[in-house]
């Protein structure tokens, strides 16, 4: 994930891994847990329901254009959630 510039994820763990590496994430929400997690990390505007998939191209273009600025702004916020990331990662491997 750290080598990626932007992440498109449908599964919760893909979104969490992308955020953990301070990468912009476009979350395709098939389940409310994906939207809820993105909201928790202040990224609710980067969520599309499957019914909104037609807007993905435009959203990706905007995210791509601002990816560096997003990462700079997100790092401090994401560092605050470091313990939450740790808890999620540990829960995945139990």
C-alpha atoms as a PDB file:
ATOM      1  CA  UNK A   1       0.000   0.000   0.000  1.00  0.00           C
ATOM      2  CA  UNK A   2       2.801   2.432   0.741  1.00  0.00           C
ATOM      3  CA  UNK A   3       3.844   2.329  -2.935  1.00  0.00           C
ATOM      4  CA  UNK A   4       0.365   3.332  -4.105  1.00  0.00           C
ATOM      5  CA  UNK A   5      -0.737   6.882  -4.836  1.00  0.00           C
ATOM      6  CA  UNK A   6      -4.447   6.185  -4.399  1.00  0.00           C
ATOM      7  CA  UNK A   7      -6.477   3.180  -3.263  1.00  0.00           C
ATOM      8  CA  UNK A   8      -9.854   1.975  -4.488  1.00  0.00           C
ATOM      9  CA  UNK A   9     -11.281  -0.455  -2.004  1.00  0.00           C
ATOM     10  CA  UNK A  10     -14.513  -2.317  -1.649  1.00  0.00           C
ATOM     11  CA  UNK A  11     -13.582  -4.441   1.302  1.00  0.00           C
ATOM     12  CA  UNK A  12     -13.158  -2.825   4.693  1.00  0.00           C
ATOM     13  CA  UNK A  13      -9.578  -4.039   5.141  1.00  0.00           C
ATOM     14  CA  UNK A  14      -8.433  -2.564   1.832  1.00  0.00           C
ATOM     15  CA  UNK A  15      -9.770   0.824   2.926  1.00  0.00           C
ATOM     16  CA  UNK A  16      -8.185   0.562   6.368  1.00  0.00           C
ATOM     17  CA  UNK A  17      -4.812  -0.482   4.928  1.00  0.00           C
ATOM     18  CA  UNK A  18      -4.892   2.437   2.488  1.00  0.00           C
ATOM     19  CA  UNK A  19      -5.718   4.917   5.238  1.00  0.00           C
ATOM     20  CA  UNK A  20      -3.050   3.425   7.485  1.00  0.00           C
ATOM     21  CA  UNK A  21      -0.492   4.370   4.822  1.00  0.00           C
ATOM     22  CA  UNK A  22      -1.977   7.890   4.481  1.00  0.00           C
ATOM     23  CA  UNK A  23      -3.217   7.181   0.972  1.00  0.00           C
ATOM     24  CA  UNK A  24      -6.435   8.659  -0.405  1.00  0.00           C
ATOM     25  CA  UNK A  25      -9.059   5.930  -0.515  1.00  0.00           C
ATOM     26  CA  UNK A  26     -12.149   5.740  -2.687  1.00  0.00           C
ATOM     27  CA  UNK A  27     -14.344   3.297  -0.805  1.00  0.00           C
ATOM     28  CA  UNK A  28     -17.020   1.437  -2.730  1.00  0.00           C
ATOM     29  CA  UNK A  29     -19.514   0.722  -0.009  1.00  0.00           C
ATOM     30  CA  UNK A  30     -21.358  -2.551  -0.361  1.00  0.00           C
ATOM     31  CA  UNK A  31     -21.915  -2.665   3.398  1.00  0.00           C
ATOM     32  CA  UNK A  32     -22.596   0.003   6.013  1.00  0.00           C
ATOM     33  CA  UNK A  33     -19.440  -0.990   7.925  1.00  0.00           C
ATOM     34  CA  UNK A  34     -17.300   0.442   5.112  1.00  0.00           C
ATOM     35  CA  UNK A  35     -19.127   3.800   5.232  1.00  0.00           C
ATOM     36  CA  UNK A  36     -19.014   3.811   9.035  1.00  0.00           C
ATOM     37  CA  UNK A  37     -15.248   3.196   9.123  1.00  0.00           C
ATOM     38  CA  UNK A  38     -14.536   5.871   6.542  1.00  0.00           C
ATOM     39  CA  UNK A  39     -16.720   8.304   8.490  1.00  0.00           C
ATOM     40  CA  UNK A  40     -14.799   7.492  11.666  1.00  0.00           C
ATOM     41  CA  UNK A  41     -11.567   8.544   9.968  1.00  0.00           C
ATOM     42  CA  UNK A  42     -13.061  11.721   8.513  1.00  0.00           C
ATOM     43  CA  UNK A  43     -13.259  10.415   4.956  1.00  0.00           C
ATOM     44  CA  UNK A  44     -16.989  10.023   4.434  1.00  0.00           C
ATOM     45  CA  UNK A  45     -16.846  12.153   1.279  1.00  0.00           C
ATOM     46  CA  UNK A  46     -14.671   9.441  -0.288  1.00  0.00           C
ATOM     47  CA  UNK A  47     -17.395   6.792  -0.136  1.00  0.00           C
ATOM     48  CA  UNK A  48     -19.627   5.740  -3.003  1.00  0.00           C
ATOM     49  CA  UNK A  49     -22.469   3.286  -2.690  1.00  0.00           C
ATOM     50  CA  UNK A  50     -22.670   0.686  -5.442  1.00  0.00           C
ATOM     51  CA  UNK A  51     -25.674   2.575  -6.816  1.00  0.00           C
ATOM     52  CA  UNK A  52     -23.384   5.619  -7.293  1.00  0.00           C
ATOM     53  CA  UNK A  53     -20.657   3.718  -9.138  1.00  0.00           C
ATOM     54  CA  UNK A  54     -21.230   5.845 -12.240  1.00  0.00           C
ATOM     55  CA  UNK A  55     -19.656   8.787 -10.384  1.00  0.00           C
ATOM     56  CA  UNK A  56     -16.435   6.859  -9.665  1.00  0.00           C
ATOM     57  CA  UNK A  57     -14.494   8.223 -12.638  1.00  0.00           C
ATOM     58  CA  UNK A  58     -15.125  11.858 -11.743  1.00  0.00           C
ATOM     59  CA  UNK A  59     -14.431  11.221  -8.065  1.00  0.00           C
ATOM     60  CA  UNK A  60     -11.161   9.447  -8.883  1.00  0.00           C
ATOM     61  CA  UNK A  61     -10.042  12.328 -11.094  1.00  0.00           C
ATOM     62  CA  UNK A  62     -10.624  14.802  -8.257  1.00  0.00           C
ATOM     63  CA  UNK A  63      -8.887  12.550  -5.746  1.00  0.00           C
ATOM     64  CA  UNK A  64      -5.932  12.021  -8.081  1.00  0.00           C
ATOM     65  CA  UNK A  65      -5.514  15.766  -8.599  1.00  0.00           C
ATOM     66  CA  UNK A  66      -5.406  16.424  -4.848  1.00  0.00           C
ATOM     67  CA  UNK A  67      -3.730  13.233  -3.614  1.00  0.00           C
ATOM     68  CA  UNK A  68      -0.566  14.896  -2.299  1.00  0.00           C
ATOM     69  CA  UNK A  69      -2.448  17.630  -0.480  1.00  0.00           C
ATOM     70  CA  UNK A  70      -4.828  15.023   0.929  1.00  0.00           C
ATOM     71  CA  UNK A  71      -1.946  12.971   2.309  1.00  0.00           C
ATOM     72  CA  UNK A  72      -0.347  16.004   3.948  1.00  0.00           C
ATOM     73  CA  UNK A  73      -3.622  17.015   5.586  1.00  0.00           C
ATOM     74  CA  UNK A  74      -4.517  13.452   6.567  1.00  0.00           C
ATOM     75  CA  UNK A  75      -1.262  12.429   8.251  1.00  0.00           C
ATOM     76  CA  UNK A  76      -1.837  14.283  11.547  1.00  0.00           C
ATOM     77  CA  UNK A  77      -5.460  13.136  11.705  1.00  0.00           C
ATOM     78  CA  UNK A  78      -4.527   9.553  10.909  1.00  0.00           C
ATOM     79  CA  UNK A  79      -1.730   9.531  13.470  1.00  0.00           C
ATOM     80  CA  UNK A  80      -4.377  10.284  16.081  1.00  0.00           C
ATOM     81  CA  UNK A  81      -6.101   7.081  15.057  1.00  0.00           C
ATOM     82  CA  UNK A  82      -2.958   4.962  15.234  1.00  0.00           C
ATOM     83  CA  UNK A  83      -4.192   2.972  18.213  1.00  0.00           C
ATOM     84  CA  UNK A  84      -7.466   2.297  16.399  1.00  0.00           C
ATOM     85  CA  UNK A  85      -5.561   1.003  13.363  1.00  0.00           C
ATOM     86  CA  UNK A  86      -3.494  -1.214  15.641  1.00  0.00           C
ATOM     87  CA  UNK A  87      -6.662  -2.648  17.201  1.00  0.00           C
ATOM     88  CA  UNK A  88      -8.165  -3.340  13.757  1.00  0.00           C
ATOM     89  CA  UNK A  89      -4.992  -5.002  12.474  1.00  0.00           C
ATOM     90  CA  UNK A  90      -4.728  -7.199  15.556  1.00  0.00           C
ATOM     91  CA  UNK A  91      -8.394  -8.180  15.245  1.00  0.00           C
ATOM     92  CA  UNK A  92      -7.835  -9.286  11.621  1.00  0.00           C
ATOM     93  CA  UNK A  93      -5.227 -11.834  12.610  1.00  0.00           C
ATOM     94  CA  UNK A  94      -6.921 -13.391  15.610  1.00  0.00           C
END
